[in-house]
Amino acid sequence: MSTITQELENAIGSLISEGKEPSVALIKSRLANPLPIPVIIKALQAWKKNAKVPTIEKQTKELTADERITQLEQQIITLSTRLAKLEAQQ
């Protein structure tokens, strides 16, 4: 089970044990790490329907080769500019 799913289940469980009706705001206030509101809404809807939080995993976006090349080119331009300024100071 992912840590996000576990954290959501813990938040909902703690609200239930206190006799409170879980809501987006209450769940959000119980989370140690902030989550996007749509994720919390999805978890709450699934919990209300099935009494179970769906497995939610953090997605990481991998850059394409072209995106990485563009980033590296920008870093080279920035570093070259800084180097030129430093050399001009001497």
C-alpha atoms as a PDB file:
ATOM      1  CA  MET A   1       0.000   0.000   0.000  1.00  0.00           C
ATOM      2  CA  SER A   2       1.360   3.419  -0.896  1.00  0.00           C
ATOM      3  CA  THR A   3       2.126   5.944   1.795  1.00  0.00           C
ATOM      4  CA  ILE A   4      -0.399   8.381   0.315  1.00  0.00           C
ATOM      5  CA  THR A   5      -3.174   5.795   0.558  1.00  0.00           C
ATOM      6  CA  GLN A   6      -2.135   4.898   4.106  1.00  0.00           C
ATOM      7  CA  GLU A   7      -2.036   8.547   5.147  1.00  0.00           C
ATOM      8  CA  LEU A   8      -5.524   9.143   3.747  1.00  0.00           C
ATOM      9  CA  GLU A   9      -6.861   6.027   5.506  1.00  0.00           C
ATOM     10  CA  ASN A  10      -5.285   7.151   8.778  1.00  0.00           C
ATOM     11  CA  ALA A  11      -6.841  10.627   8.463  1.00  0.00           C
ATOM     12  CA  ILE A  12     -10.298   9.236   7.706  1.00  0.00           C
ATOM     13  CA  GLY A  13      -9.950   6.603  10.442  1.00  0.00           C
ATOM     14  CA  SER A  14      -9.007   9.188  13.056  1.00  0.00           C
ATOM     15  CA  LEU A  15     -12.009  11.328  12.109  1.00  0.00           C
ATOM     16  CA  ILE A  16     -14.359   8.342  12.349  1.00  0.00           C
ATOM     17  CA  SER A  17     -12.934   7.334  15.720  1.00  0.00           C
ATOM     18  CA  GLU A  18     -13.666  10.868  16.982  1.00  0.00           C
ATOM     19  CA  GLY A  19     -17.234  10.581  15.747  1.00  0.00           C
ATOM     20  CA  LYS A  20     -16.747  13.180  13.001  1.00  0.00           C
ATOM     21  CA  GLU A  21     -18.020  12.901   9.441  1.00  0.00           C
ATOM     22  CA  PRO A  22     -14.975  12.979   7.102  1.00  0.00           C
ATOM     23  CA  SER A  23     -14.899  15.964   4.757  1.00  0.00           C
ATOM     24  CA  VAL A  24     -12.301  17.315   2.366  1.00  0.00           C
ATOM     25  CA  ALA A  25     -11.344  20.105   4.772  1.00  0.00           C
ATOM     26  CA  LEU A  26     -11.072  17.812   7.798  1.00  0.00           C
ATOM     27  CA  ILE A  27      -9.037  15.237   5.890  1.00  0.00           C
ATOM     28  CA  LYS A  28      -6.733  17.938   4.505  1.00  0.00           C
ATOM     29  CA  SER A  29      -6.158  19.274   8.018  1.00  0.00           C
ATOM     30  CA  ARG A  30      -5.078  15.806   9.238  1.00  0.00           C
ATOM     31  CA  LEU A  31      -2.512  15.132   6.500  1.00  0.00           C
ATOM     32  CA  ALA A  32       1.164  15.468   7.313  1.00  0.00           C
ATOM     33  CA  ASN A  33       2.010  16.113   3.662  1.00  0.00           C
ATOM     34  CA  PRO A  34      -0.222  18.322   1.536  1.00  0.00           C
ATOM     35  CA  LEU A  35      -2.130  16.628  -1.278  1.00  0.00           C
ATOM     36  CA  PRO A  36      -4.030  18.188  -4.168  1.00  0.00           C
ATOM     37  CA  ILE A  37      -7.720  18.708  -3.414  1.00  0.00           C
ATOM     38  CA  PRO A  38      -8.842  16.473  -6.344  1.00  0.00           C
ATOM     39  CA  VAL A  39      -6.913  13.551  -4.815  1.00  0.00           C
ATOM     40  CA  ILE A  40      -8.603  14.071  -1.456  1.00  0.00           C
ATOM     41  CA  ILE A  41     -12.014  14.355  -3.127  1.00  0.00           C
ATOM     42  CA  LYS A  42     -11.433  11.131  -5.062  1.00  0.00           C
ATOM     43  CA  ALA A  43     -10.381   9.292  -1.898  1.00  0.00           C
ATOM     44  CA  LEU A  44     -13.364  10.617   0.072  1.00  0.00           C
ATOM     45  CA  GLN A  45     -15.840   9.689  -2.662  1.00  0.00           C
ATOM     46  CA  ALA A  46     -14.413   6.170  -2.900  1.00  0.00           C
ATOM     47  CA  TRP A  47     -14.473   5.805   0.880  1.00  0.00           C
ATOM     48  CA  LYS A  48     -18.124   6.922   1.063  1.00  0.00           C
ATOM     49  CA  LYS A  49     -19.077   4.486  -1.688  1.00  0.00           C
ATOM     50  CA  ASN A  50     -17.027   1.429  -0.640  1.00  0.00           C
ATOM     51  CA  ALA A  51     -15.675   2.256   2.830  1.00  0.00           C
ATOM     52  CA  LYS A  52     -12.236   1.899   1.285  1.00  0.00           C
ATOM     53  CA  VAL A  53      -9.619   4.373   0.040  1.00  0.00           C
ATOM     54  CA  PRO A  54      -8.331   3.546  -3.445  1.00  0.00           C
ATOM     55  CA  THR A  55      -4.623   2.993  -3.961  1.00  0.00           C
ATOM     56  CA  ILE A  56      -3.115   6.348  -4.852  1.00  0.00           C
ATOM     57  CA  GLU A  57       0.461   6.585  -5.993  1.00  0.00           C
ATOM     58  CA  LYS A  58       2.627   9.596  -6.521  1.00  0.00           C
ATOM     59  CA  GLN A  59       3.436  10.097 -10.169  1.00  0.00           C
ATOM     60  CA  THR A  60       6.760  11.450 -11.262  1.00  0.00           C
ATOM     61  CA  LYS A  61       7.113  13.018 -14.647  1.00  0.00           C
ATOM     62  CA  GLU A  62      10.139  11.874 -16.579  1.00  0.00           C
ATOM     63  CA  LEU A  63      11.604  14.374 -18.972  1.00  0.00           C
ATOM     64  CA  THR A  64      12.026  13.542 -22.609  1.00  0.00           C
ATOM     65  CA  ALA A  65      15.462  13.766 -24.191  1.00  0.00           C
ATOM     66  CA  ASP A  66      14.481  17.032 -25.894  1.00  0.00           C
ATOM     67  CA  GLU A  67      13.310  18.547 -22.584  1.00  0.00           C
ATOM     68  CA  ARG A  68      16.539  17.518 -20.869  1.00  0.00           C
ATOM     69  CA  ILE A  69      18.627  18.977 -23.702  1.00  0.00           C
ATOM     70  CA  THR A  70      16.698  22.249 -23.485  1.00  0.00           C
ATOM     71  CA  GLN A  71      17.286  22.410 -19.715  1.00  0.00           C
ATOM     72  CA  LEU A  72      20.989  21.697 -20.128  1.00  0.00           C
ATOM     73  CA  GLU A  73      21.330  24.312 -22.860  1.00  0.00           C
ATOM     74  CA  GLN A  74      19.677  26.879 -20.589  1.00  0.00           C
ATOM     75  CA  GLN A  75      22.064  25.978 -17.761  1.00  0.00           C
ATOM     76  CA  ILE A  76      25.044  26.405 -20.095  1.00  0.00           C
ATOM     77  CA  ILE A  77      23.817  29.851 -21.156  1.00  0.00           C
ATOM     78  CA  THR A  78      23.311  30.887 -17.527  1.00  0.00           C
ATOM     79  CA  LEU A  79      26.717  29.595 -16.427  1.00  0.00           C
ATOM     80  CA  SER A  80      28.472  31.147 -19.436  1.00  0.00           C
ATOM     81  CA  THR A  81      26.907  34.512 -18.612  1.00  0.00           C
ATOM     82  CA  ARG A  82      28.008  34.273 -14.986  1.00  0.00           C
ATOM     83  CA  LEU A  83      31.516  33.258 -16.011  1.00  0.00           C
ATOM     84  CA  ALA A  84      31.769  36.210 -18.421  1.00  0.00           C
ATOM     85  CA  LYS A  85      30.683  38.613 -15.648  1.00  0.00           C
ATOM     86  CA  LEU A  86      33.257  37.169 -13.236  1.00  0.00           C
ATOM     87  CA  GLU A  87      36.025  37.425 -15.826  1.00  0.00           C
ATOM     88  CA  ALA A  88      35.060  41.028 -16.560  1.00  0.00           C
ATOM     89  CA  GLN A  89      35.412  41.933 -12.869  1.00  0.00           C
ATOM     90  CA  GLN A  90      39.066  40.883 -12.745  1.00  0.00           C
END
